[in-house]
Amino acid sequence: MSDNRSDLSTLTGPRLVRLFLDAVDSHPSTDAERAEFFDFKARVFATLADRDDNPDTVKAAARARADRDRILARIEDAIGGDR
């Protein structure tokens, strides 16, 4: 997952889909990998939403960000939070 570029705006729709499917096939197994996956998923759907203003892609990006945040909170709790 870490090889996914941060700027997705220059990629075509089919290339975004291929990157996303590759990320899905990576089967993230740790919470850190899952958080990274959901961050990437949010960026992919946000990029698609910016291009065609589709409310479904906006919702998918928001759900992915919420999933990422939930996992990051779980990681933080596991390591002791703000201690």
N, C-alpha and C. Protein backbone atom coordinates (compact mmCIF):
# COMPACT_ATOMS: atom_id res chain seq x y z
N MET A 1 0.81 -1.19 0.00
CA MET A 1 0.00 0.00 0.00
C MET A 1 0.85 1.26 0.00
N SER A 2 1.97 1.26 0.66
CA SER A 2 2.75 2.48 0.79
C SER A 2 3.30 2.98 -0.54
N ASP A 3 3.25 2.16 -1.59
CA ASP A 3 3.73 2.61 -2.89
C ASP A 3 2.69 3.42 -3.65
N ASN A 4 1.49 3.58 -3.09
CA ASN A 4 0.46 4.40 -3.74
C ASN A 4 0.82 5.87 -3.58
N ARG A 5 0.77 6.58 -4.68
CA ARG A 5 1.15 7.99 -4.65
C ARG A 5 0.13 8.82 -3.90
N SER A 6 0.60 9.94 -3.40
CA SER A 6 -0.29 10.80 -2.63
C SER A 6 -1.19 11.64 -3.54
N ASP A 7 -0.71 12.00 -4.74
CA ASP A 7 -1.51 12.80 -5.66
C ASP A 7 -2.12 11.88 -6.72
N LEU A 8 -3.40 11.68 -6.61
CA LEU A 8 -4.11 10.80 -7.54
C LEU A 8 -4.78 11.56 -8.66
N SER A 9 -4.71 12.88 -8.63
CA SER A 9 -5.48 13.70 -9.56
C SER A 9 -5.08 13.53 -11.02
N THR A 10 -3.87 13.08 -11.29
CA THR A 10 -3.42 12.95 -12.67
C THR A 10 -3.76 11.59 -13.28
N LEU A 11 -4.27 10.68 -12.46
CA LEU A 11 -4.57 9.33 -12.95
C LEU A 11 -5.93 9.29 -13.64
N THR A 12 -6.03 8.45 -14.65
CA THR A 12 -7.31 8.25 -15.31
C THR A 12 -8.23 7.42 -14.41
N GLY A 13 -9.52 7.44 -14.70
CA GLY A 13 -10.46 6.63 -13.94
C GLY A 13 -10.11 5.16 -13.93
N PRO A 14 -9.78 4.55 -15.10
CA PRO A 14 -9.42 3.14 -15.10
C PRO A 14 -8.16 2.85 -14.27
N ARG A 15 -7.20 3.77 -14.29
CA ARG A 15 -5.97 3.57 -13.50
C ARG A 15 -6.27 3.64 -12.01
N LEU A 16 -7.17 4.55 -11.62
CA LEU A 16 -7.59 4.62 -10.22
C LEU A 16 -8.26 3.32 -9.78
N VAL A 17 -9.11 2.80 -10.64
CA VAL A 17 -9.79 1.55 -10.31
C VAL A 17 -8.78 0.41 -10.17
N ARG A 18 -7.81 0.35 -11.08
CA ARG A 18 -6.78 -0.71 -10.97
C ARG A 18 -5.99 -0.59 -9.67
N LEU A 19 -5.58 0.63 -9.31
CA LEU A 19 -4.86 0.82 -8.05
C LEU A 19 -5.72 0.41 -6.86
N PHE A 20 -7.00 0.78 -6.92
CA PHE A 20 -7.90 0.44 -5.82
C PHE A 20 -8.06 -1.08 -5.71
N LEU A 21 -8.26 -1.74 -6.83
CA LEU A 21 -8.41 -3.20 -6.80
C LEU A 21 -7.14 -3.88 -6.33
N ASP A 22 -5.99 -3.36 -6.70
CA ASP A 22 -4.73 -3.90 -6.19
C ASP A 22 -4.66 -3.74 -4.67
N ALA A 23 -5.12 -2.61 -4.17
CA ALA A 23 -5.11 -2.38 -2.73
C ALA A 23 -6.06 -3.33 -2.02
N VAL A 24 -7.23 -3.58 -2.62
CA VAL A 24 -8.18 -4.53 -2.04
C VAL A 24 -7.56 -5.92 -2.00
N ASP A 25 -6.87 -6.29 -3.08
CA ASP A 25 -6.24 -7.62 -3.14
C ASP A 25 -5.07 -7.78 -2.18
N SER A 26 -4.58 -6.68 -1.62
CA SER A 26 -3.44 -6.77 -0.71
C SER A 26 -3.82 -7.37 0.64
N HIS A 27 -5.10 -7.45 0.94
CA HIS A 27 -5.61 -8.03 2.18
C HIS A 27 -4.87 -7.50 3.40
N PRO A 28 -5.07 -6.23 3.73
CA PRO A 28 -4.39 -5.67 4.90
C PRO A 28 -4.73 -6.46 6.15
N SER A 29 -3.71 -6.83 6.92
CA SER A 29 -3.95 -7.71 8.06
C SER A 29 -3.76 -7.03 9.42
N THR A 30 -3.04 -5.93 9.47
CA THR A 30 -2.86 -5.23 10.74
C THR A 30 -3.73 -3.98 10.74
N ASP A 31 -3.96 -3.45 11.92
CA ASP A 31 -4.74 -2.21 12.00
C ASP A 31 -4.07 -1.08 11.24
N ALA A 32 -2.75 -0.99 11.31
CA ALA A 32 -2.03 0.06 10.58
C ALA A 32 -2.24 -0.09 9.07
N GLU A 33 -2.17 -1.32 8.58
CA GLU A 33 -2.40 -1.56 7.15
C GLU A 33 -3.84 -1.26 6.77
N ARG A 34 -4.79 -1.59 7.65
CA ARG A 34 -6.19 -1.29 7.38
C ARG A 34 -6.43 0.21 7.34
N ALA A 35 -5.83 0.94 8.27
CA ALA A 35 -5.97 2.40 8.29
C ALA A 35 -5.39 2.99 7.01
N GLU A 36 -4.25 2.49 6.58
CA GLU A 36 -3.64 2.96 5.34
C GLU A 36 -4.54 2.65 4.14
N PHE A 37 -5.14 1.46 4.14
CA PHE A 37 -6.06 1.09 3.06
C PHE A 37 -7.25 2.04 3.01
N PHE A 38 -7.88 2.29 4.17
CA PHE A 38 -9.05 3.16 4.17
C PHE A 38 -8.69 4.60 3.83
N ASP A 39 -7.48 5.04 4.19
CA ASP A 39 -7.03 6.36 3.78
C ASP A 39 -6.91 6.42 2.26
N PHE A 40 -6.31 5.39 1.67
CA PHE A 40 -6.18 5.34 0.22
C PHE A 40 -7.56 5.27 -0.45
N LYS A 41 -8.45 4.46 0.10
CA LYS A 41 -9.80 4.34 -0.45
C LYS A 41 -10.49 5.70 -0.43
N ALA A 42 -10.35 6.43 0.67
CA ALA A 42 -10.96 7.75 0.77
C ALA A 42 -10.40 8.69 -0.28
N ARG A 43 -9.10 8.63 -0.51
CA ARG A 43 -8.48 9.50 -1.51
C ARG A 43 -8.93 9.14 -2.93
N VAL A 44 -9.07 7.85 -3.21
CA VAL A 44 -9.54 7.42 -4.53
C VAL A 44 -10.96 7.95 -4.78
N PHE A 45 -11.85 7.72 -3.82
CA PHE A 45 -13.24 8.15 -4.02
C PHE A 45 -13.37 9.66 -4.00
N ALA A 46 -12.55 10.36 -3.21
CA ALA A 46 -12.57 11.82 -3.22
C ALA A 46 -12.11 12.35 -4.58
N THR A 47 -11.11 11.70 -5.17
CA THR A 47 -10.64 12.11 -6.49
C THR A 47 -11.74 11.91 -7.52
N LEU A 48 -12.41 10.77 -7.47
CA LEU A 48 -13.52 10.52 -8.40
C LEU A 48 -14.66 11.50 -8.17
N ALA A 49 -14.95 11.83 -6.92
CA ALA A 49 -16.02 12.78 -6.61
C ALA A 49 -15.69 14.16 -7.16
N ASP A 50 -14.43 14.55 -7.07
CA ASP A 50 -14.03 15.86 -7.60
C ASP A 50 -14.22 15.94 -9.11
N ARG A 51 -14.06 14.80 -9.76
CA ARG A 51 -14.16 14.79 -11.22
C ARG A 51 -15.59 14.85 -11.74
N ASP A 52 -16.49 14.11 -11.08
CA ASP A 52 -17.83 14.04 -11.67
C ASP A 52 -18.94 14.43 -10.71
N ASP A 53 -18.58 14.93 -9.52
CA ASP A 53 -19.57 15.43 -8.57
C ASP A 53 -20.68 14.42 -8.29
N ASN A 54 -20.30 13.16 -8.15
CA ASN A 54 -21.24 12.08 -7.90
C ASN A 54 -21.47 11.94 -6.39
N PRO A 55 -22.70 12.08 -5.91
CA PRO A 55 -22.94 12.00 -4.46
C PRO A 55 -22.58 10.63 -3.87
N ASP A 56 -22.65 9.57 -4.66
CA ASP A 56 -22.28 8.26 -4.14
C ASP A 56 -20.79 8.17 -3.85
N THR A 57 -19.96 8.79 -4.69
CA THR A 57 -18.52 8.74 -4.44
C THR A 57 -18.16 9.64 -3.25
N VAL A 58 -18.90 10.73 -3.08
CA VAL A 58 -18.69 11.58 -1.90
C VAL A 58 -18.98 10.79 -0.62
N LYS A 59 -20.09 10.04 -0.63
CA LYS A 59 -20.46 9.22 0.53
C LYS A 59 -19.43 8.12 0.77
N ALA A 60 -18.96 7.49 -0.30
CA ALA A 60 -17.96 6.41 -0.16
C ALA A 60 -16.67 6.96 0.44
N ALA A 61 -16.26 8.14 0.03
CA ALA A 61 -15.05 8.76 0.59
C ALA A 61 -15.25 9.07 2.07
N ALA A 62 -16.41 9.58 2.43
CA ALA A 62 -16.69 9.90 3.83
C ALA A 62 -16.71 8.63 4.69
N ARG A 63 -17.30 7.56 4.18
CA ARG A 63 -17.31 6.29 4.93
C ARG A 63 -15.90 5.76 5.12
N ALA A 64 -15.09 5.85 4.08
CA ALA A 64 -13.71 5.36 4.19
C ALA A 64 -12.92 6.19 5.21
N ARG A 65 -13.13 7.50 5.21
CA ARG A 65 -12.44 8.35 6.21
C ARG A 65 -12.91 7.99 7.62
N ALA A 66 -14.20 7.73 7.79
CA ALA A 66 -14.73 7.34 9.10
C ALA A 66 -14.13 6.00 9.54
N ASP A 67 -14.02 5.05 8.62
CA ASP A 67 -13.40 3.76 8.94
C ASP A 67 -11.94 3.94 9.34
N ARG A 68 -11.23 4.78 8.57
CA ARG A 68 -9.82 5.06 8.89
C ARG A 68 -9.71 5.67 10.28
N ASP A 69 -10.54 6.65 10.57
CA ASP A 69 -10.47 7.33 11.87
C ASP A 69 -10.80 6.38 13.02
N ARG A 70 -11.76 5.49 12.79
CA ARG A 70 -12.12 4.51 13.82
C ARG A 70 -10.94 3.59 14.12
N ILE A 71 -10.25 3.15 13.07
CA ILE A 71 -9.11 2.26 13.25
C ILE A 71 -7.95 3.00 13.92
N LEU A 72 -7.71 4.24 13.50
CA LEU A 72 -6.65 5.02 14.12
C LEU A 72 -6.92 5.26 15.60
N ALA A 73 -8.18 5.49 15.96
CA ALA A 73 -8.54 5.65 17.37
C ALA A 73 -8.28 4.36 18.14
N ARG A 74 -8.59 3.23 17.52
CA ARG A 74 -8.33 1.94 18.16
C ARG A 74 -6.83 1.74 18.37
N ILE A 75 -6.03 2.12 17.39
CA ILE A 75 -4.56 2.01 17.52
C ILE A 75 -4.08 2.90 18.67
N GLU A 76 -4.57 4.13 18.69
CA GLU A 76 -4.17 5.06 19.74
C GLU A 76 -4.55 4.53 21.12
N ASP A 77 -5.76 3.98 21.25
CA ASP A 77 -6.19 3.40 22.52
C ASP A 77 -5.29 2.25 22.93
N ALA A 78 -4.88 1.45 21.97
CA ALA A 78 -4.04 0.29 22.26
C ALA A 78 -2.66 0.68 22.76
N ILE A 79 -2.17 1.83 22.28
CA ILE A 79 -0.83 2.25 22.73
C ILE A 79 -0.87 3.23 23.90
N GLY A 80 -2.05 3.48 24.41
CA GLY A 80 -2.16 4.28 25.61
C GLY A 80 -2.73 5.67 25.45
N GLY A 81 -3.17 6.01 24.27
CA GLY A 81 -3.83 7.31 24.08
C GLY A 81 -2.89 8.47 24.29
N ASP A 82 -3.35 9.48 25.02
CA ASP A 82 -2.60 10.73 25.22
C ASP A 82 -1.77 10.71 26.49
N ARG A 83 -1.29 9.60 26.89
CA ARG A 83 -0.51 9.54 28.14
C ARG A 83 0.84 10.15 27.98
